Amino acid sequence: MEAPAPHDAHDASRPDEVDRIVEAWQRERPDLAVEPLAVFSRVSRLARHLDRARRGAFARHGLEAWEFDVLSALRRAGDPYRMSPGALVTATLVTSGTMTNRIDRLESHGLVERHRSPDDRRGVLVQLTPAGRERVDAALTDLLEVEARVLDALSPEERPQLAALLRTVAAQFDE
Protein backbone atom coordinates (compact mmCIF):
# COMPACT_ATOMS: atom_id res chain seq x y z
CA MET A 1 0.00 0.00 0.00
CA GLU A 2 1.34 3.37 -0.94
CA ALA A 3 1.55 5.89 1.87
CA PRO A 4 -0.97 8.73 1.63
CA ALA A 5 0.26 12.28 1.36
CA PRO A 6 1.13 13.94 4.68
CA HIS A 7 -1.48 16.03 6.45
CA ASP A 8 -2.68 18.92 4.33
CA ALA A 9 -5.91 20.78 5.10
CA HIS A 10 -6.46 21.39 1.37
CA ASP A 11 -6.71 17.63 0.68
CA ALA A 12 -9.89 17.41 2.78
CA SER A 13 -11.63 20.00 0.62
CA ARG A 14 -11.19 18.10 -2.66
CA PRO A 15 -14.26 16.08 -3.64
CA ASP A 16 -13.75 12.33 -3.52
CA GLU A 17 -15.68 9.35 -4.86
CA VAL A 18 -17.95 9.34 -1.81
CA ASP A 19 -18.86 12.98 -2.41
CA ARG A 20 -19.88 12.03 -5.95
CA ILE A 21 -21.95 9.09 -4.67
CA VAL A 22 -23.73 11.22 -2.06
CA GLU A 23 -24.39 13.98 -4.57
CA ALA A 24 -25.86 11.49 -7.05
CA TRP A 25 -28.16 10.01 -4.39
CA GLN A 26 -29.25 13.48 -3.27
CA ARG A 27 -30.11 14.28 -6.87
CA GLU A 28 -31.89 10.96 -7.53
CA ARG A 29 -33.56 10.54 -4.13
CA PRO A 30 -34.06 14.01 -2.59
CA ASP A 31 -36.71 12.44 -0.34
CA LEU A 32 -34.03 10.53 1.62
CA ALA A 33 -31.55 11.82 4.18
CA VAL A 34 -28.36 10.44 2.65
CA GLU A 35 -25.91 12.10 5.06
CA PRO A 36 -24.95 8.77 6.71
CA LEU A 37 -23.46 7.72 3.37
CA ALA A 38 -20.87 10.47 3.68
CA VAL A 39 -19.54 8.80 6.83
CA PHE A 40 -20.15 5.11 6.37
CA SER A 41 -19.16 4.87 2.73
CA ARG A 42 -15.81 6.36 3.72
CA VAL A 43 -15.53 3.99 6.69
CA SER A 44 -16.31 1.06 4.39
CA ARG A 45 -13.81 2.15 1.74
CA LEU A 46 -11.16 2.77 4.39
CA ALA A 47 -11.82 -0.66 5.89
CA ARG A 48 -11.23 -2.30 2.51
CA HIS A 49 -7.96 -0.40 2.03
CA LEU A 50 -6.83 -1.25 5.55
CA ASP A 51 -7.76 -4.90 5.10
CA ARG A 52 -5.53 -5.09 2.01
CA ALA A 53 -2.70 -3.29 3.81
CA ARG A 54 -3.01 -5.55 6.86
CA ARG A 55 -3.07 -8.70 4.75
CA GLY A 56 0.06 -7.47 2.99
CA ALA A 57 1.84 -6.82 6.29
CA PHE A 58 0.91 -10.29 7.55
CA ALA A 59 1.83 -12.00 4.27
CA ARG A 60 5.31 -10.49 4.40
CA HIS A 61 5.74 -12.59 7.56
CA GLY A 62 4.11 -15.73 6.22
CA LEU A 63 0.85 -15.22 8.10
CA GLU A 64 -2.81 -15.09 7.20
CA ALA A 65 -4.99 -12.53 9.00
CA TRP A 66 -6.64 -15.24 11.12
CA GLU A 67 -3.22 -16.58 12.14
CA PHE A 68 -2.17 -13.12 13.26
CA ASP A 69 -5.41 -12.80 15.26
CA VAL A 70 -4.77 -16.00 17.22
CA LEU A 71 -1.05 -15.41 17.69
CA SER A 72 -1.56 -11.81 18.76
CA ALA A 73 -4.22 -12.83 21.30
CA LEU A 74 -1.68 -15.23 22.83
CA ARG A 75 1.07 -12.59 22.71
CA ARG A 76 -1.13 -10.02 24.45
CA ALA A 77 -1.89 -12.52 27.21
CA GLY A 78 1.65 -11.97 28.50
CA ASP A 79 4.26 -14.44 29.64
CA PRO A 80 3.86 -17.46 29.40
CA TYR A 81 1.69 -16.53 26.36
CA ARG A 82 -0.99 -19.14 26.85
CA MET A 83 -4.76 -19.23 26.84
CA SER A 84 -7.51 -21.78 26.83
CA PRO A 85 -9.19 -22.47 23.49
CA GLY A 86 -12.37 -20.95 24.94
CA ALA A 87 -10.58 -17.71 25.77
CA LEU A 88 -9.19 -17.65 22.22
CA VAL A 89 -12.72 -18.10 20.85
CA THR A 90 -13.84 -15.07 22.87
CA ALA A 91 -10.80 -13.01 21.83
CA THR A 92 -11.16 -13.76 18.11
CA LEU A 93 -14.95 -14.02 17.72
CA VAL A 94 -15.00 -17.41 15.98
CA THR A 95 -16.74 -20.69 16.81
CA SER A 96 -15.08 -23.38 18.90
CA GLY A 97 -14.92 -25.69 15.86
CA THR A 98 -13.18 -23.00 13.83
CA MET A 99 -10.75 -22.37 16.69
CA THR A 100 -9.88 -26.07 16.97
CA ASN A 101 -9.05 -26.10 13.26
CA ARG A 102 -6.96 -22.93 13.61
CA ILE A 103 -5.04 -24.27 16.58
CA ASP A 104 -4.36 -27.50 14.67
CA ARG A 105 -2.97 -25.55 11.71
CA LEU A 106 -0.85 -23.22 13.86
CA GLU A 107 0.48 -26.20 15.78
CA SER A 108 1.44 -27.97 12.54
CA HIS A 109 3.47 -24.86 11.60
CA GLY A 110 5.26 -24.84 14.96
CA LEU A 111 3.74 -21.52 16.04
CA VAL A 112 1.73 -22.83 19.02
CA GLU A 113 1.76 -25.86 21.29
CA ARG A 114 -0.99 -27.52 23.29
CA HIS A 115 -0.37 -28.27 26.96
CA ARG A 116 -2.50 -29.90 29.61
CA SER A 117 -3.97 -27.39 32.01
CA PRO A 118 -2.36 -27.65 35.45
CA ASP A 119 -5.72 -26.70 37.01
CA ASP A 120 -7.98 -29.05 35.04
CA ARG A 121 -6.83 -32.48 33.88
CA ARG A 122 -9.33 -32.39 31.02
CA GLY A 123 -8.41 -28.87 30.00
CA VAL A 124 -5.92 -27.75 27.39
CA LEU A 125 -3.95 -24.55 27.13
CA VAL A 126 -2.57 -23.17 23.87
CA GLN A 127 0.87 -21.62 24.18
CA LEU A 128 2.80 -19.45 21.78
CA THR A 129 6.13 -21.00 20.75
CA PRO A 130 9.28 -18.89 20.42
CA ALA A 131 8.87 -19.09 16.64
CA GLY A 132 5.25 -17.93 16.96
CA ARG A 133 6.28 -15.05 19.19
CA GLU A 134 8.99 -13.97 16.77
CA ARG A 135 6.60 -14.12 13.83
CA VAL A 136 3.76 -12.20 15.49
CA ASP A 137 6.15 -9.55 16.84
CA ALA A 138 7.64 -8.96 13.37
CA ALA A 139 4.19 -8.83 11.76
CA LEU A 140 2.95 -6.37 14.40
CA THR A 141 5.93 -4.09 13.82
CA ASP A 142 5.24 -4.10 10.08
CA LEU A 143 1.50 -3.56 10.62
CA LEU A 144 2.06 -0.57 12.88
CA GLU A 145 4.38 1.04 10.31
CA VAL A 146 1.70 0.64 7.62
CA GLU A 147 -1.05 1.99 9.87
CA ALA A 148 1.10 4.91 11.02
CA ARG A 149 1.57 5.92 7.37
CA VAL A 150 -2.21 5.92 6.92
CA LEU A 151 -2.56 8.24 9.91
CA ASP A 152 -0.01 10.64 8.40
CA ALA A 153 -3.05 12.18 6.67
CA LEU A 154 -4.10 13.52 10.10
CA SER A 155 -2.36 15.91 12.43
CA PRO A 156 -1.21 14.54 15.79
CA GLU A 157 -4.11 16.42 17.41
CA GLU A 158 -6.70 14.93 15.05
CA ARG A 159 -5.72 11.29 15.67
CA PRO A 160 -7.11 10.97 19.22
CA GLN A 161 -10.21 12.89 18.14
CA LEU A 162 -10.87 10.38 15.37
CA ALA A 163 -10.25 7.46 17.74
CA ALA A 164 -12.72 8.90 20.25
CA LEU A 165 -15.40 9.50 17.61
CA LEU A 166 -15.02 5.99 16.21
CA ARG A 167 -15.16 4.53 19.75
CA THR A 168 -18.45 6.36 20.33
CA VAL A 169 -20.01 5.03 17.13
CA ALA A 170 -18.67 1.47 17.59
CA ALA A 171 -19.66 1.22 21.28
CA GLN A 172 -23.25 0.40 20.42
CA PHE A 173 -22.06 -2.87 18.83
CA ASP A 174 -19.94 -3.85 21.80
CA GLU A 175 -22.80 -3.77 24.30
C-alpha atoms as a PDB file:
ATOM      1  CA  MET A   1       0.000   0.000   0.000  1.00  0.00           C
ATOM      2  CA  GLU A   2       1.338   3.368  -0.945  1.00  0.00           C
ATOM      3  CA  ALA A   3       1.547   5.887   1.866  1.00  0.00           C
ATOM      4  CA  PRO A   4      -0.967   8.726   1.628  1.00  0.00           C
ATOM      5  CA  ALA A   5       0.257  12.282   1.356  1.00  0.00           C
ATOM      6  CA  PRO A   6       1.133  13.939   4.681  1.00  0.00           C
ATOM      7  CA  HIS A   7      -1.482  16.034   6.454  1.00  0.00           C
ATOM      8  CA  ASP A   8      -2.680  18.923   4.335  1.00  0.00           C
ATOM      9  CA  ALA A   9      -5.906  20.785   5.096  1.00  0.00           C
ATOM     10  CA  HIS A  10      -6.464  21.389   1.366  1.00  0.00           C
ATOM     11  CA  ASP A  11      -6.713  17.635   0.684  1.00  0.00           C
ATOM     12  CA  ALA A  12      -9.885  17.408   2.776  1.00  0.00           C
ATOM     13  CA  SER A  13     -11.633  19.997   0.618  1.00  0.00           C
ATOM     14  CA  ARG A  14     -11.187  18.100  -2.655  1.00  0.00           C
ATOM     15  CA  PRO A  15     -14.261  16.079  -3.639  1.00  0.00           C
ATOM     16  CA  ASP A  16     -13.747  12.326  -3.524  1.00  0.00           C
ATOM     17  CA  GLU A  17     -15.682   9.352  -4.861  1.00  0.00           C
ATOM     18  CA  VAL A  18     -17.953   9.336  -1.810  1.00  0.00           C
ATOM     19  CA  ASP A  19     -18.859  12.978  -2.411  1.00  0.00           C
ATOM     20  CA  ARG A  20     -19.877  12.032  -5.947  1.00  0.00           C
ATOM     21  CA  ILE A  21     -21.953   9.092  -4.667  1.00  0.00           C
ATOM     22  CA  VAL A  22     -23.726  11.224  -2.058  1.00  0.00           C
ATOM     23  CA  GLU A  23     -24.390  13.983  -4.571  1.00  0.00           C
ATOM     24  CA  ALA A  24     -25.865  11.493  -7.052  1.00  0.00           C
ATOM     25  CA  TRP A  25     -28.162  10.006  -4.394  1.00  0.00           C
ATOM     26  CA  GLN A  26     -29.250  13.479  -3.273  1.00  0.00           C
ATOM     27  CA  ARG A  27     -30.114  14.280  -6.868  1.00  0.00           C
ATOM     28  CA  GLU A  28     -31.888  10.964  -7.530  1.00  0.00           C
ATOM     29  CA  ARG A  29     -33.564  10.541  -4.126  1.00  0.00           C
ATOM     30  CA  PRO A  30     -34.058  14.006  -2.594  1.00  0.00           C
ATOM     31  CA  ASP A  31     -36.709  12.440  -0.345  1.00  0.00           C
ATOM     32  CA  LEU A  32     -34.028  10.525   1.618  1.00  0.00           C
ATOM     33  CA  ALA A  33     -31.553  11.825   4.181  1.00  0.00           C
ATOM     34  CA  VAL A  34     -28.363  10.438   2.646  1.00  0.00           C
ATOM     35  CA  GLU A  35     -25.914  12.096   5.056  1.00  0.00           C
ATOM     36  CA  PRO A  36     -24.947   8.774   6.712  1.00  0.00           C
ATOM     37  CA  LEU A  37     -23.463   7.715   3.370  1.00  0.00           C
ATOM     38  CA  ALA A  38     -20.870  10.474   3.676  1.00  0.00           C
ATOM     39  CA  VAL A  39     -19.542   8.805   6.825  1.00  0.00           C
ATOM     40  CA  PHE A  40     -20.148   5.112   6.372  1.00  0.00           C
ATOM     41  CA  SER A  41     -19.165   4.875   2.726  1.00  0.00           C
ATOM     42  CA  ARG A  42     -15.809   6.356   3.722  1.00  0.00           C
ATOM     43  CA  VAL A  43     -15.533   3.992   6.689  1.00  0.00           C
ATOM     44  CA  SER A  44     -16.313   1.064   4.388  1.00  0.00           C
ATOM     45  CA  ARG A  45     -13.814   2.148   1.741  1.00  0.00           C
ATOM     46  CA  LEU A  46     -11.161   2.771   4.388  1.00  0.00           C
ATOM     47  CA  ALA A  47     -11.818  -0.663   5.894  1.00  0.00           C
ATOM     48  CA  ARG A  48     -11.228  -2.302   2.511  1.00  0.00           C
ATOM     49  CA  HIS A  49      -7.965  -0.401   2.026  1.00  0.00           C
ATOM     50  CA  LEU A  50      -6.832  -1.251   5.547  1.00  0.00           C
ATOM     51  CA  ASP A  51      -7.756  -4.897   5.102  1.00  0.00           C
ATOM     52  CA  ARG A  52      -5.532  -5.093   2.012  1.00  0.00           C
ATOM     53  CA  ALA A  53      -2.700  -3.287   3.810  1.00  0.00           C
ATOM     54  CA  ARG A  54      -3.014  -5.550   6.864  1.00  0.00           C
ATOM     55  CA  ARG A  55      -3.069  -8.700   4.754  1.00  0.00           C
ATOM     56  CA  GLY A  56       0.065  -7.470   2.995  1.00  0.00           C
ATOM     57  CA  ALA A  57       1.842  -6.821   6.291  1.00  0.00           C
ATOM     58  CA  PHE A  58       0.910 -10.288   7.555  1.00  0.00           C
ATOM     59  CA  ALA A  59       1.827 -12.004   4.271  1.00  0.00           C
ATOM     60  CA  ARG A  60       5.312 -10.491   4.403  1.00  0.00           C
ATOM     61  CA  HIS A  61       5.739 -12.587   7.560  1.00  0.00           C
ATOM     62  CA  GLY A  62       4.112 -15.728   6.220  1.00  0.00           C
ATOM     63  CA  LEU A  63       0.852 -15.219   8.101  1.00  0.00           C
ATOM     64  CA  GLU A  64      -2.813 -15.089   7.196  1.00  0.00           C
ATOM     65  CA  ALA A  65      -4.995 -12.528   8.996  1.00  0.00           C
ATOM     66  CA  TRP A  66      -6.635 -15.242  11.121  1.00  0.00           C
ATOM     67  CA  GLU A  67      -3.218 -16.584  12.140  1.00  0.00           C
ATOM     68  CA  PHE A  68      -2.171 -13.120  13.260  1.00  0.00           C
ATOM     69  CA  ASP A  69      -5.413 -12.798  15.257  1.00  0.00           C
ATOM     70  CA  VAL A  70      -4.771 -15.995  17.222  1.00  0.00           C
ATOM     71  CA  LEU A  71      -1.052 -15.415  17.690  1.00  0.00           C
ATOM     72  CA  SER A  72      -1.559 -11.806  18.758  1.00  0.00           C
ATOM     73  CA  ALA A  73      -4.218 -12.831  21.304  1.00  0.00           C
ATOM     74  CA  LEU A  74      -1.681 -15.234  22.826  1.00  0.00           C
ATOM     75  CA  ARG A  75       1.074 -12.590  22.715  1.00  0.00           C
ATOM     76  CA  ARG A  76      -1.135 -10.016  24.447  1.00  0.00           C
ATOM     77  CA  ALA A  77      -1.885 -12.519  27.213  1.00  0.00           C
ATOM     78  CA  GLY A  78       1.651 -11.967  28.498  1.00  0.00           C
ATOM     79  CA  ASP A  79       4.260 -14.445  29.639  1.00  0.00           C
ATOM     80  CA  PRO A  80       3.859 -17.458  29.398  1.00  0.00           C
ATOM     81  CA  TYR A  81       1.688 -16.528  26.363  1.00  0.00           C
ATOM     82  CA  ARG A  82      -0.992 -19.138  26.847  1.00  0.00           C
ATOM     83  CA  MET A  83      -4.763 -19.229  26.837  1.00  0.00           C
ATOM     84  CA  SER A  84      -7.514 -21.783  26.833  1.00  0.00           C
ATOM     85  CA  PRO A  85      -9.192 -22.474  23.491  1.00  0.00           C
ATOM     86  CA  GLY A  86     -12.373 -20.949  24.945  1.00  0.00           C
ATOM     87  CA  ALA A  87     -10.579 -17.710  25.772  1.00  0.00           C
ATOM     88  CA  LEU A  88      -9.186 -17.654  22.224  1.00  0.00           C
ATOM     89  CA  VAL A  89     -12.724 -18.098  20.851  1.00  0.00           C
ATOM     90  CA  THR A  90     -13.838 -15.072  22.866  1.00  0.00           C
ATOM     91  CA  ALA A  91     -10.803 -13.014  21.832  1.00  0.00           C
ATOM     92  CA  THR A  92     -11.155 -13.757  18.106  1.00  0.00           C
ATOM     93  CA  LEU A  93     -14.951 -14.015  17.718  1.00  0.00           C
ATOM     94  CA  VAL A  94     -14.999 -17.409  15.981  1.00  0.00           C
ATOM     95  CA  THR A  95     -16.738 -20.686  16.811  1.00  0.00           C
ATOM     96  CA  SER A  96     -15.081 -23.378  18.897  1.00  0.00           C
ATOM     97  CA  GLY A  97     -14.916 -25.687  15.861  1.00  0.00           C
ATOM     98  CA  THR A  98     -13.175 -23.002  13.834  1.00  0.00           C
ATOM     99  CA  MET A  99     -10.748 -22.367  16.687  1.00  0.00           C
ATOM    100  CA  THR A 100      -9.880 -26.066  16.970  1.00  0.00           C
ATOM    101  CA  ASN A 101      -9.047 -26.096  13.260  1.00  0.00           C
ATOM    102  CA  ARG A 102      -6.963 -22.926  13.614  1.00  0.00           C
ATOM    103  CA  ILE A 103      -5.037 -24.271  16.579  1.00  0.00           C
ATOM    104  CA  ASP A 104      -4.355 -27.496  14.667  1.00  0.00           C
ATOM    105  CA  ARG A 105      -2.967 -25.549  11.712  1.00  0.00           C
ATOM    106  CA  LEU A 106      -0.849 -23.220  13.861  1.00  0.00           C
ATOM    107  CA  GLU A 107       0.482 -26.202  15.783  1.00  0.00           C
ATOM    108  CA  SER A 108       1.439 -27.974  12.536  1.00  0.00           C
ATOM    109  CA  HIS A 109       3.471 -24.860  11.597  1.00  0.00           C
ATOM    110  CA  GLY A 110       5.257 -24.839  14.959  1.00  0.00           C
ATOM    111  CA  LEU A 111       3.738 -21.517  16.037  1.00  0.00           C
ATOM    112  CA  VAL A 112       1.732 -22.826  19.025  1.00  0.00           C
ATOM    113  CA  GLU A 113       1.756 -25.861  21.289  1.00  0.00           C
ATOM    114  CA  ARG A 114      -0.988 -27.517  23.285  1.00  0.00           C
ATOM    115  CA  HIS A 115      -0.370 -28.267  26.961  1.00  0.00           C
ATOM    116  CA  ARG A 116      -2.505 -29.897  29.610  1.00  0.00           C
ATOM    117  CA  SER A 117      -3.974 -27.389  32.010  1.00  0.00           C
ATOM    118  CA  PRO A 118      -2.365 -27.653  35.446  1.00  0.00           C
ATOM    119  CA  ASP A 119      -5.724 -26.699  37.006  1.00  0.00           C
ATOM    120  CA  ASP A 120      -7.982 -29.045  35.040  1.00  0.00           C
ATOM    121  CA  ARG A 121      -6.834 -32.485  33.876  1.00  0.00           C
ATOM    122  CA  ARG A 122      -9.335 -32.395  31.020  1.00  0.00           C
ATOM    123  CA  GLY A 123      -8.409 -28.869  29.997  1.00  0.00           C
ATOM    124  CA  VAL A 124      -5.916 -27.749  27.393  1.00  0.00           C
ATOM    125  CA  LEU A 125      -3.945 -24.550  27.127  1.00  0.00           C
ATOM    126  CA  VAL A 126      -2.574 -23.171  23.872  1.00  0.00           C
ATOM    127  CA  GLN A 127       0.871 -21.620  24.182  1.00  0.00           C
ATOM    128  CA  LEU A 128       2.796 -19.449  21.777  1.00  0.00           C
ATOM    129  CA  THR A 129       6.125 -21.004  20.751  1.00  0.00           C
ATOM    130  CA  PRO A 130       9.280 -18.888  20.425  1.00  0.00           C
ATOM    131  CA  ALA A 131       8.866 -19.087  16.637  1.00  0.00           C
ATOM    132  CA  GLY A 132       5.250 -17.926  16.962  1.00  0.00           C
ATOM    133  CA  ARG A 133       6.280 -15.046  19.190  1.00  0.00           C
ATOM    134  CA  GLU A 134       8.994 -13.965  16.774  1.00  0.00           C
ATOM    135  CA  ARG A 135       6.601 -14.124  13.826  1.00  0.00           C
ATOM    136  CA  VAL A 136       3.760 -12.195  15.486  1.00  0.00           C
ATOM    137  CA  ASP A 137       6.147  -9.547  16.842  1.00  0.00           C
ATOM    138  CA  ALA A 138       7.635  -8.964  13.374  1.00  0.00           C
ATOM    139  CA  ALA A 139       4.189  -8.827  11.759  1.00  0.00           C
ATOM    140  CA  LEU A 140       2.948  -6.370  14.401  1.00  0.00           C
ATOM    141  CA  THR A 141       5.929  -4.087  13.824  1.00  0.00           C
ATOM    142  CA  ASP A 142       5.242  -4.105  10.082  1.00  0.00           C
ATOM    143  CA  LEU A 143       1.503  -3.562  10.616  1.00  0.00           C
ATOM    144  CA  LEU A 144       2.063  -0.567  12.877  1.00  0.00           C
ATOM    145  CA  GLU A 145       4.381   1.039  10.315  1.00  0.00           C
ATOM    146  CA  VAL A 146       1.704   0.640   7.622  1.00  0.00           C
ATOM    147  CA  GLU A 147      -1.050   1.992   9.865  1.00  0.00           C
ATOM    148  CA  ALA A 148       1.103   4.912  11.020  1.00  0.00           C
ATOM    149  CA  ARG A 149       1.575   5.922   7.371  1.00  0.00           C
ATOM    150  CA  VAL A 150      -2.209   5.916   6.924  1.00  0.00           C
ATOM    151  CA  LEU A 151      -2.557   8.238   9.906  1.00  0.00           C
ATOM    152  CA  ASP A 152      -0.013  10.645   8.401  1.00  0.00           C
ATOM    153  CA  ALA A 153      -3.052  12.182   6.666  1.00  0.00           C
ATOM    154  CA  LEU A 154      -4.102  13.515  10.096  1.00  0.00           C
ATOM    155  CA  SER A 155      -2.362  15.905  12.428  1.00  0.00           C
ATOM    156  CA  PRO A 156      -1.210  14.536  15.790  1.00  0.00           C
ATOM    157  CA  GLU A 157      -4.108  16.419  17.411  1.00  0.00           C
ATOM    158  CA  GLU A 158      -6.702  14.927  15.048  1.00  0.00           C
ATOM    159  CA  ARG A 159      -5.719  11.285  15.671  1.00  0.00           C
ATOM    160  CA  PRO A 160      -7.107  10.965  19.221  1.00  0.00           C
ATOM    161  CA  GLN A 161     -10.209  12.892  18.135  1.00  0.00           C
ATOM    162  CA  LEU A 162     -10.868  10.380  15.366  1.00  0.00           C
ATOM    163  CA  ALA A 163     -10.246   7.461  17.736  1.00  0.00           C
ATOM    164  CA  ALA A 164     -12.724   8.900  20.248  1.00  0.00           C
ATOM    165  CA  LEU A 165     -15.401   9.502  17.613  1.00  0.00           C
ATOM    166  CA  LEU A 166     -15.021   5.987  16.213  1.00  0.00           C
ATOM    167  CA  ARG A 167     -15.159   4.534  19.747  1.00  0.00           C
ATOM    168  CA  THR A 168     -18.447   6.364  20.331  1.00  0.00           C
ATOM    169  CA  VAL A 169     -20.015   5.027  17.131  1.00  0.00           C
ATOM    170  CA  ALA A 170     -18.668   1.473  17.587  1.00  0.00           C
ATOM    171  CA  ALA A 171     -19.657   1.217  21.281  1.00  0.00           C
ATOM    172  CA  GLN A 172     -23.248   0.402  20.417  1.00  0.00           C
ATOM    173  CA  PHE A 173     -22.063  -2.869  18.828  1.00  0.00           C
ATOM    174  CA  ASP A 174     -19.937  -3.852  21.805  1.00  0.00           C
ATOM    175  CA  GLU A 175     -22.800  -3.770  24.303  1.00  0.00           C
END
